[in-house]
Amino acid sequence: MSEAHTVPAVTVATTPGTWRPTVLQELVLDAALSEGARAEAAFAEWVEATDFDDVDGGSYRVLPLVAARFEQLGIAGSWSAHLRGILRRSWYENQVMLHATLPAVDALQAAGIDVVVFKGGSLGVLAYPGIGTRPMDDLDVLVPEGRAEDALGVLFGAGWELGPEGVPAALRGGDLPDAFRRLRHSVGLRGPAGFEMDLHWHATYAWCWPDADRGLWTTTRPFELRGRSLRALEAGDELLVACVHGLRPNLVPPIRWVADAIMVMRSGPIAWEQVIDRARDLLVEPYLALAFDYLRARFDAPVPGWVVAALRERRLGYFERQWFESRLDSRATRSVGAHYGGYLRGGRTEGRLRRYAGGLPAHLVYLLGCDSTTALPAEIGRRATARVRLHRHGPR
């Protein structure tokens, strides 16, 4: 390949991050989301600071949008070859991934199971300027909670497998116990071609009680993806999911939630009253208030002030507050109060006795990764010892 056609290399670093972008990450978001001169100036500052070397994975995921944005604005520079190459690669990788994973959606629909494609699979079509501008590591699909076991069986029959670690024995046999569904919102599967898909029975980890997603299903909208007629979440629900999902720490900095949220808001009108009602129904008002405050202050997002005020009206109880705060940072261990707060969320539709204690042993089985309640004492003892050692001596 001649030097003129060589795409410059970009080094991506493995750097974990939290929901709030760093100053450097905000520059690449400014380049992707701002107008003309401001976008160009922000990107020039980002390039000077990074020289495309040791770019964190979260920032790298935003660069295809920067590339498309600059092409639209007619902005070019010495870094244009980098951006063109990143955009082409993202488009190609998304196409290959969709080619490998969408047959699984076909299999689910052929079995009579309703499917919603959301997050990257729908945003790349409905909110972003093109499918390549929103990179995807996997395909996220939501099925009705009552059909989750059926969906798992269909996918097993189509050659899909559960990941090698952290999956209880019951799931490998095709069962999805109630206690597991009230703790976890999805499972990851790997297909015959090596690509991955997340099978959701709840759209996010923040609401795992029975029938929590009922409202999301009533407002889905149609869209086309690679010649298929599919369903997506309503725009306000996509916005809610983007904010809730994005506020968790990750090995790849989750800053893409900012771009997702802004692009959804720009894609069409948002029914703000419905967003508030949905947030209250799903008990995620503090997530949205925190996210919207940040988006308004830093990126001038068009979120009305009265929306944020409405989201702050409800006061959180002690255990709910512990659970919420524990999800915003990357602490090595979580308090008993935070874990109990998560248990209470999953059991919020149960009767009083079972909600507060009756389902706790089964919950702990899946929380601690055991296969049965008989293994709980040993696992709890092991973790308690490790926690004491961590407190006394610090991480090794």
Protein backbone atom coordinates (compact mmCIF):
# COMPACT_ATOMS: atom_id res chain seq x y z
CA MET A 1 0.00 0.00 0.00
CA SER A 2 1.42 3.38 -0.94
CA GLU A 3 2.11 5.98 1.71
CA ALA A 4 -0.62 8.22 0.28
CA HIS A 5 -3.26 5.53 0.97
CA THR A 6 -2.02 4.43 4.38
CA VAL A 7 -4.49 5.20 7.20
CA PRO A 8 -2.61 6.54 10.24
CA ALA A 9 -2.65 4.30 13.30
CA VAL A 10 -4.67 5.12 16.40
CA THR A 11 -3.64 3.59 19.71
CA VAL A 12 -6.55 2.77 22.01
CA ALA A 13 -5.83 2.46 25.72
CA THR A 14 -7.67 0.25 28.21
CA THR A 15 -8.69 2.87 30.75
CA PRO A 16 -11.79 2.47 32.94
CA GLY A 17 -14.04 5.43 33.61
CA THR A 18 -17.16 6.68 35.31
CA TRP A 19 -20.28 8.38 33.98
CA ARG A 20 -18.85 11.90 34.11
CA PRO A 21 -16.46 12.62 31.21
CA THR A 22 -13.04 14.04 31.98
CA VAL A 23 -12.02 17.43 30.59
CA LEU A 24 -10.23 15.66 27.72
CA GLN A 25 -13.24 13.47 27.00
CA GLU A 26 -15.49 16.52 26.99
CA LEU A 27 -13.37 17.95 24.17
CA VAL A 28 -14.08 15.02 21.88
CA LEU A 29 -17.77 15.23 22.80
CA ASP A 30 -17.68 18.95 21.97
CA ALA A 31 -16.22 18.06 18.58
CA ALA A 32 -19.04 15.59 17.95
CA LEU A 33 -21.93 17.71 19.24
CA SER A 34 -21.04 21.39 18.83
CA GLU A 35 -21.39 23.74 15.89
CA GLY A 36 -18.68 24.74 13.39
CA ALA A 37 -15.89 26.77 14.96
CA ARG A 38 -16.41 25.44 18.48
CA ALA A 39 -16.31 21.83 17.27
CA GLU A 40 -13.16 22.43 15.23
CA ALA A 41 -11.39 24.24 18.07
CA ALA A 42 -12.29 21.54 20.58
CA PHE A 43 -11.00 18.80 18.31
CA ALA A 44 -7.78 20.65 17.56
CA GLU A 45 -7.15 20.91 21.31
CA TRP A 46 -7.96 17.22 21.75
CA VAL A 47 -5.57 16.21 18.93
CA GLU A 48 -2.81 18.36 20.41
CA ALA A 49 -3.27 16.64 23.77
CA THR A 50 -3.52 13.06 22.46
CA ASP A 51 -1.94 12.93 19.00
CA PHE A 52 -4.24 9.90 18.57
CA ASP A 53 -2.05 7.98 21.01
CA ASP A 54 -3.43 6.18 24.08
CA VAL A 55 -6.98 7.24 23.23
CA ASP A 56 -9.36 5.82 25.82
CA GLY A 57 -11.98 3.42 24.51
CA GLY A 58 -14.87 5.72 25.38
CA SER A 59 -13.46 8.60 23.33
CA TYR A 60 -12.65 6.28 20.45
CA ARG A 61 -16.32 5.26 20.28
CA VAL A 62 -17.27 8.92 19.72
CA LEU A 63 -14.79 9.54 16.89
CA PRO A 64 -16.99 8.08 14.09
CA LEU A 65 -19.61 10.71 14.96
CA VAL A 66 -16.91 13.38 14.89
CA ALA A 67 -15.90 12.16 11.44
CA ALA A 68 -19.44 12.34 10.08
CA ARG A 69 -20.03 15.70 11.72
CA PHE A 70 -16.88 17.24 10.23
CA GLU A 71 -17.70 15.85 6.82
CA GLN A 72 -21.12 17.49 7.08
CA LEU A 73 -19.60 20.81 8.18
CA GLY A 74 -16.79 20.72 5.62
CA ILE A 75 -14.09 20.77 8.30
CA ALA A 76 -10.77 19.21 7.33
CA GLY A 77 -7.29 19.07 8.76
CA SER A 78 -4.16 16.97 9.09
CA TRP A 79 -6.20 14.49 11.12
CA SER A 80 -8.86 13.93 8.42
CA ALA A 81 -7.34 10.61 7.33
CA HIS A 82 -7.58 9.33 10.88
CA LEU A 83 -11.27 10.20 11.09
CA ARG A 84 -12.14 8.79 7.68
CA GLY A 85 -10.43 5.52 8.54
CA ILE A 86 -12.17 5.27 11.93
CA LEU A 87 -15.58 5.93 10.36
CA ARG A 88 -15.04 3.35 7.62
CA ARG A 89 -13.88 0.78 10.13
CA SER A 90 -16.89 1.43 12.38
CA TRP A 91 -19.30 1.08 9.46
CA TYR A 92 -17.69 -2.19 8.37
CA GLU A 93 -17.59 -3.69 11.87
CA ASN A 94 -21.23 -2.76 12.50
CA GLN A 95 -22.31 -4.32 9.22
CA VAL A 96 -20.45 -7.56 9.97
CA MET A 97 -21.85 -7.69 13.49
CA LEU A 98 -25.42 -7.09 12.31
CA HIS A 99 -25.04 -9.70 9.58
CA ALA A 100 -24.07 -12.24 12.24
CA THR A 101 -26.60 -11.30 14.93
CA LEU A 102 -29.82 -10.32 13.15
CA PRO A 103 -30.56 -13.95 12.15
CA ALA A 104 -31.06 -14.54 15.88
CA VAL A 105 -33.76 -11.85 15.84
CA ASP A 106 -35.30 -13.61 12.83
CA ALA A 107 -35.36 -16.87 14.82
CA LEU A 108 -37.05 -15.21 17.79
CA GLN A 109 -39.70 -13.60 15.60
CA ALA A 110 -40.30 -16.87 13.74
CA ALA A 111 -41.00 -18.47 17.13
CA GLY A 112 -43.68 -15.84 17.80
CA ILE A 113 -41.62 -13.89 20.33
CA ASP A 114 -41.91 -10.10 20.19
CA VAL A 115 -38.54 -8.34 19.95
CA VAL A 116 -37.44 -4.75 20.49
CA VAL A 117 -34.00 -3.77 19.20
CA PHE A 118 -32.62 -0.87 21.22
CA LYS A 119 -29.48 1.08 22.13
CA GLY A 120 -26.96 0.93 19.27
CA GLY A 121 -29.06 -1.17 16.90
CA SER A 122 -31.87 1.40 16.82
CA LEU A 123 -29.97 4.61 17.61
CA GLY A 124 -27.70 4.19 14.59
CA VAL A 125 -30.80 4.37 12.38
CA LEU A 126 -33.19 6.63 14.27
CA ALA A 127 -30.94 9.19 15.98
CA TYR A 128 -27.45 9.15 14.43
CA PRO A 129 -26.57 10.25 10.87
CA GLY A 130 -25.68 6.70 9.83
CA ILE A 131 -25.22 3.18 11.13
CA GLY A 132 -21.44 3.54 11.13
CA THR A 133 -21.46 6.64 13.31
CA ARG A 134 -22.62 4.74 16.40
CA PRO A 135 -20.24 1.81 17.05
CA MET A 136 -21.70 -1.38 18.56
CA ASP A 137 -19.92 -4.20 20.34
CA ASP A 138 -23.06 -6.34 20.38
CA LEU A 139 -26.77 -6.28 19.60
CA ASP A 140 -29.19 -5.49 22.42
CA VAL A 141 -32.65 -7.04 22.14
CA LEU A 142 -35.56 -6.90 24.57
CA VAL A 143 -38.15 -9.66 24.80
CA PRO A 144 -41.23 -9.86 27.04
CA GLU A 145 -40.26 -11.10 30.47
CA GLY A 146 -42.76 -13.94 30.25
CA ARG A 147 -41.10 -15.20 27.06
CA ALA A 148 -37.50 -14.89 28.24
CA GLU A 149 -37.05 -18.62 28.85
CA ASP A 150 -38.60 -19.39 25.47
CA ALA A 151 -36.24 -16.90 23.85
CA LEU A 152 -33.25 -18.49 25.54
CA GLY A 153 -34.33 -21.89 24.26
CA VAL A 154 -34.73 -20.58 20.71
CA LEU A 155 -31.27 -19.06 20.77
CA PHE A 156 -29.72 -22.24 22.19
CA GLY A 157 -31.36 -24.11 19.32
CA ALA A 158 -29.86 -21.65 16.84
CA GLY A 159 -26.34 -22.32 18.10
CA TRP A 160 -25.96 -19.46 20.58
CA GLU A 161 -24.19 -20.08 23.89
CA LEU A 162 -23.95 -18.35 27.25
CA GLY A 163 -20.66 -16.80 28.28
CA PRO A 164 -18.14 -19.03 30.08
CA GLU A 165 -18.20 -17.29 33.47
CA GLY A 166 -20.66 -15.92 36.00
CA VAL A 167 -23.68 -17.85 34.70
CA PRO A 168 -25.62 -20.10 37.11
CA ALA A 169 -26.09 -23.74 36.25
CA ALA A 170 -29.87 -23.29 35.89
CA LEU A 171 -29.39 -20.90 32.96
CA ARG A 172 -27.19 -23.35 31.14
CA GLY A 173 -30.12 -25.74 31.25
CA GLY A 174 -32.39 -23.10 29.74
CA ASP A 175 -34.13 -21.98 32.95
CA LEU A 176 -34.45 -18.37 34.10
CA PRO A 177 -35.49 -18.56 37.76
CA ASP A 178 -37.63 -15.74 39.15
CA ALA A 179 -34.95 -14.72 41.65
CA PHE A 180 -32.42 -14.37 38.85
CA ARG A 181 -34.74 -12.22 36.74
CA ARG A 182 -35.27 -9.91 39.73
CA LEU A 183 -31.53 -9.40 40.11
CA ARG A 184 -30.29 -9.42 36.52
CA HIS A 185 -31.82 -7.70 33.52
CA SER A 186 -30.10 -9.65 30.75
CA VAL A 187 -27.62 -12.33 29.77
CA GLY A 188 -24.88 -12.16 27.19
CA LEU A 189 -24.69 -14.80 24.47
CA ARG A 190 -22.13 -15.63 21.82
CA GLY A 191 -23.25 -16.84 18.41
CA PRO A 192 -21.82 -19.43 16.03
CA ALA A 193 -19.80 -16.74 14.22
CA GLY A 194 -18.30 -15.45 17.47
CA PHE A 195 -20.37 -12.26 17.72
CA GLU A 196 -22.31 -11.31 20.82
CA MET A 197 -25.86 -10.37 21.70
CA ASP A 198 -27.45 -9.26 24.98
CA LEU A 199 -30.82 -10.87 25.59
CA HIS A 200 -32.83 -8.54 27.85
CA TRP A 201 -36.06 -9.22 29.72
CA HIS A 202 -35.66 -5.81 31.40
CA ALA A 203 -34.21 -2.88 29.46
CA THR A 204 -31.68 -2.00 32.21
CA TYR A 205 -30.41 -3.27 35.55
CA ALA A 206 -32.25 -0.44 37.36
CA TRP A 207 -35.70 -2.04 37.16
CA CYS A 208 -35.88 -5.81 37.57
CA TRP A 209 -39.20 -6.34 39.31
CA PRO A 210 -41.90 -8.34 37.50
CA ASP A 211 -43.67 -6.53 34.66
CA ALA A 212 -41.50 -3.43 35.10
CA ASP A 213 -41.14 -2.91 31.33
CA ARG A 214 -44.86 -2.98 30.61
CA GLY A 215 -44.97 0.73 29.79
CA LEU A 216 -41.98 0.53 27.42
CA TRP A 217 -43.75 -2.09 25.34
CA THR A 218 -46.89 0.01 24.90
CA THR A 219 -45.09 2.85 23.09
CA THR A 220 -42.61 1.10 20.78
CA ARG A 221 -42.17 2.39 17.23
CA PRO A 222 -41.31 0.68 13.92
CA PHE A 223 -38.02 1.04 12.06
CA GLU A 224 -36.09 -0.70 9.30
CA LEU A 225 -32.71 -2.35 9.80
CA ARG A 226 -30.96 -4.21 6.99
CA GLY A 227 -34.25 -4.85 5.21
CA ARG A 228 -36.07 -6.03 8.33
CA SER A 229 -39.15 -4.47 9.92
CA LEU A 230 -38.35 -4.20 13.61
CA ARG A 231 -39.52 -2.37 16.73
CA ALA A 232 -37.59 0.24 18.72
CA LEU A 233 -38.24 2.08 21.97
CA GLU A 234 -40.04 5.41 21.81
CA ALA A 235 -37.58 8.35 21.73
CA GLY A 236 -38.20 9.40 25.33
CA ASP A 237 -37.65 5.82 26.50
CA GLU A 238 -34.41 5.57 24.50
CA LEU A 239 -33.30 8.78 26.22
CA LEU A 240 -34.15 7.36 29.64
CA VAL A 241 -32.31 4.10 28.94
CA ALA A 242 -29.26 5.95 27.58
CA CYS A 243 -28.97 8.02 30.75
CA VAL A 244 -29.59 5.19 33.22
CA HIS A 245 -27.29 2.76 31.43
CA GLY A 246 -24.59 5.38 30.92
CA LEU A 247 -24.29 6.41 34.54
CA ARG A 248 -22.57 3.17 35.54
CA PRO A 249 -18.76 2.90 35.65
CA ASN A 250 -17.25 0.66 33.01
CA LEU A 251 -13.92 -0.73 31.87
CA VAL A 252 -14.60 1.30 28.73
CA PRO A 253 -15.49 4.85 29.86
CA PRO A 254 -19.26 5.12 29.27
CA ILE A 255 -19.13 8.72 27.98
CA ARG A 256 -21.05 7.72 24.85
CA TRP A 257 -24.21 8.14 26.90
CA VAL A 258 -23.79 11.91 26.44
CA ALA A 259 -23.75 11.60 22.65
CA ASP A 260 -26.65 9.13 22.71
CA ALA A 261 -28.77 11.44 24.86
CA ILE A 262 -28.05 14.57 22.81
CA MET A 263 -28.60 12.80 19.50
CA VAL A 264 -31.94 11.40 20.68
CA MET A 265 -33.07 14.86 21.78
CA ARG A 266 -32.07 16.26 18.39
CA SER A 267 -33.82 13.50 16.46
CA GLY A 268 -37.31 14.78 17.23
CA PRO A 269 -39.61 16.16 19.91
CA ILE A 270 -39.46 14.56 23.36
CA ALA A 271 -42.67 14.05 25.35
CA TRP A 272 -41.25 15.38 28.61
CA GLU A 273 -44.34 14.64 30.71
CA GLN A 274 -44.14 11.03 29.58
CA VAL A 275 -40.42 10.91 30.45
CA ILE A 276 -41.23 12.11 33.98
CA ASP A 277 -44.05 9.60 34.36
CA ARG A 278 -41.85 6.78 33.10
CA ALA A 279 -39.00 7.75 35.43
CA ARG A 280 -41.37 7.77 38.39
CA ASP A 281 -42.86 4.43 37.39
CA LEU A 282 -39.37 2.88 37.11
CA LEU A 283 -37.95 4.68 40.18
CA VAL A 284 -35.05 6.23 38.26
CA GLU A 285 -35.75 9.93 38.84
CA PRO A 286 -32.35 10.52 40.53
CA TYR A 287 -30.54 9.09 37.50
CA LEU A 288 -32.32 11.40 35.09
CA ALA A 289 -32.04 14.46 37.34
CA LEU A 290 -28.28 13.95 37.64
CA ALA A 291 -27.86 13.28 33.92
CA PHE A 292 -30.08 16.16 32.79
CA ASP A 293 -28.39 18.62 35.13
CA TYR A 294 -25.03 17.72 33.61
CA LEU A 295 -26.26 17.81 30.02
CA ARG A 296 -27.92 21.20 30.52
CA ALA A 297 -24.90 22.77 32.21
CA ARG A 298 -22.16 21.38 29.99
CA PHE A 299 -23.77 20.78 26.58
CA ASP A 300 -26.73 23.18 26.68
CA ALA A 301 -29.13 20.27 26.24
CA PRO A 302 -32.75 21.32 25.57
CA VAL A 303 -34.13 19.84 28.79
CA PRO A 304 -36.70 22.18 30.39
CA GLY A 305 -35.86 23.22 33.95
CA TRP A 306 -39.28 22.16 35.19
CA VAL A 307 -38.49 18.60 34.12
CA VAL A 308 -35.44 18.44 36.39
CA ALA A 309 -37.42 20.01 39.23
CA ALA A 310 -40.16 17.39 38.84
CA LEU A 311 -37.59 14.59 38.88
CA ARG A 312 -36.23 15.84 42.21
CA GLU A 313 -39.58 15.86 44.04
CA ARG A 314 -39.45 12.35 45.50
CA ARG A 315 -37.20 11.78 48.50
CA LEU A 316 -35.30 8.50 48.48
CA GLY A 317 -35.36 6.11 51.40
CA TYR A 318 -32.12 5.03 53.05
CA PHE A 319 -31.66 1.71 51.24
CA GLU A 320 -32.67 3.12 47.87
CA ARG A 321 -30.20 5.98 48.29
CA GLN A 322 -27.44 3.53 49.24
CA TRP A 323 -28.20 1.43 46.16
CA PHE A 324 -28.31 4.44 43.84
CA GLU A 325 -25.07 5.99 45.08
CA SER A 326 -23.26 2.66 44.91
CA ARG A 327 -23.99 2.44 41.18
CA LEU A 328 -22.29 5.73 40.35
CA ASP A 329 -18.72 4.83 41.27
CA SER A 330 -16.28 1.99 40.77
CA ARG A 331 -15.79 1.02 44.42
CA ALA A 332 -14.30 -2.44 44.96
CA THR A 333 -17.00 -3.49 47.43
CA ARG A 334 -20.55 -2.36 48.15
CA SER A 335 -22.25 -1.92 51.48
CA VAL A 336 -24.82 -4.34 52.84
CA GLY A 337 -27.32 -1.48 52.64
CA ALA A 338 -26.66 -1.03 48.92
CA HIS A 339 -27.12 -4.74 48.23
CA TYR A 340 -30.29 -4.83 50.30
CA GLY A 341 -31.57 -1.80 48.43
CA GLY A 342 -31.12 -3.73 45.19
CA TYR A 343 -32.98 -6.70 46.64
CA LEU A 344 -35.89 -4.47 47.67
CA ARG A 345 -36.15 -3.09 44.15
CA GLY A 346 -36.37 -6.55 42.62
CA GLY A 347 -39.06 -7.60 45.09
CA ARG A 348 -41.09 -4.39 45.16
CA THR A 349 -44.23 -6.10 43.80
CA GLU A 350 -44.15 -8.88 46.42
CA GLY A 351 -46.18 -9.06 49.62
CA ARG A 352 -44.66 -7.47 52.70
CA LEU A 353 -43.00 -10.51 54.30
CA ARG A 354 -41.54 -11.95 51.12
CA ARG A 355 -40.46 -8.55 49.87
CA TYR A 356 -38.40 -7.69 52.93
CA ALA A 357 -36.88 -11.08 53.71
CA GLY A 358 -38.58 -14.15 52.25
CA GLY A 359 -36.82 -14.11 48.89
CA LEU A 360 -33.41 -13.11 50.26
CA PRO A 361 -31.72 -16.56 50.20
CA ALA A 362 -32.56 -17.10 46.52
CA HIS A 363 -31.43 -13.53 45.78
CA LEU A 364 -28.08 -14.15 47.48
CA VAL A 365 -27.55 -17.32 45.46
CA TYR A 366 -27.41 -15.32 42.24
CA LEU A 367 -25.85 -12.21 43.72
CA LEU A 368 -22.88 -14.20 45.02
CA GLY A 369 -22.64 -16.54 42.05
CA CYS A 370 -23.57 -19.75 43.89
CA ASP A 371 -25.51 -22.65 42.44
CA SER A 372 -27.59 -23.36 45.55
CA THR A 373 -28.43 -22.06 49.01
CA THR A 374 -26.27 -24.78 50.59
CA ALA A 375 -23.19 -23.08 49.16
CA LEU A 376 -24.11 -19.68 50.63
CA PRO A 377 -22.45 -19.95 54.09
CA ALA A 378 -19.05 -20.81 52.66
CA GLU A 379 -19.23 -18.10 50.03
CA ILE A 380 -20.38 -15.46 52.52
CA GLY A 381 -17.53 -16.46 54.86
CA ARG A 382 -14.99 -16.25 52.07
CA ARG A 383 -16.18 -12.80 51.02
CA ALA A 384 -16.28 -11.52 54.60
CA THR A 385 -12.69 -12.63 55.12
CA ALA A 386 -11.62 -10.95 51.91
CA ARG A 387 -13.39 -7.74 52.92
CA VAL A 388 -11.66 -7.66 56.31
CA ARG A 389 -8.32 -8.26 54.61
CA LEU A 390 -9.02 -5.45 52.14
CA HIS A 391 -9.95 -3.09 54.98
CA ARG A 392 -6.80 -3.91 56.94
CA HIS A 393 -4.19 -4.15 54.21
CA GLY A 394 -5.69 -2.43 51.16
CA PRO A 395 -5.79 -3.93 47.64
CA ARG A 396 -2.85 -6.04 46.62
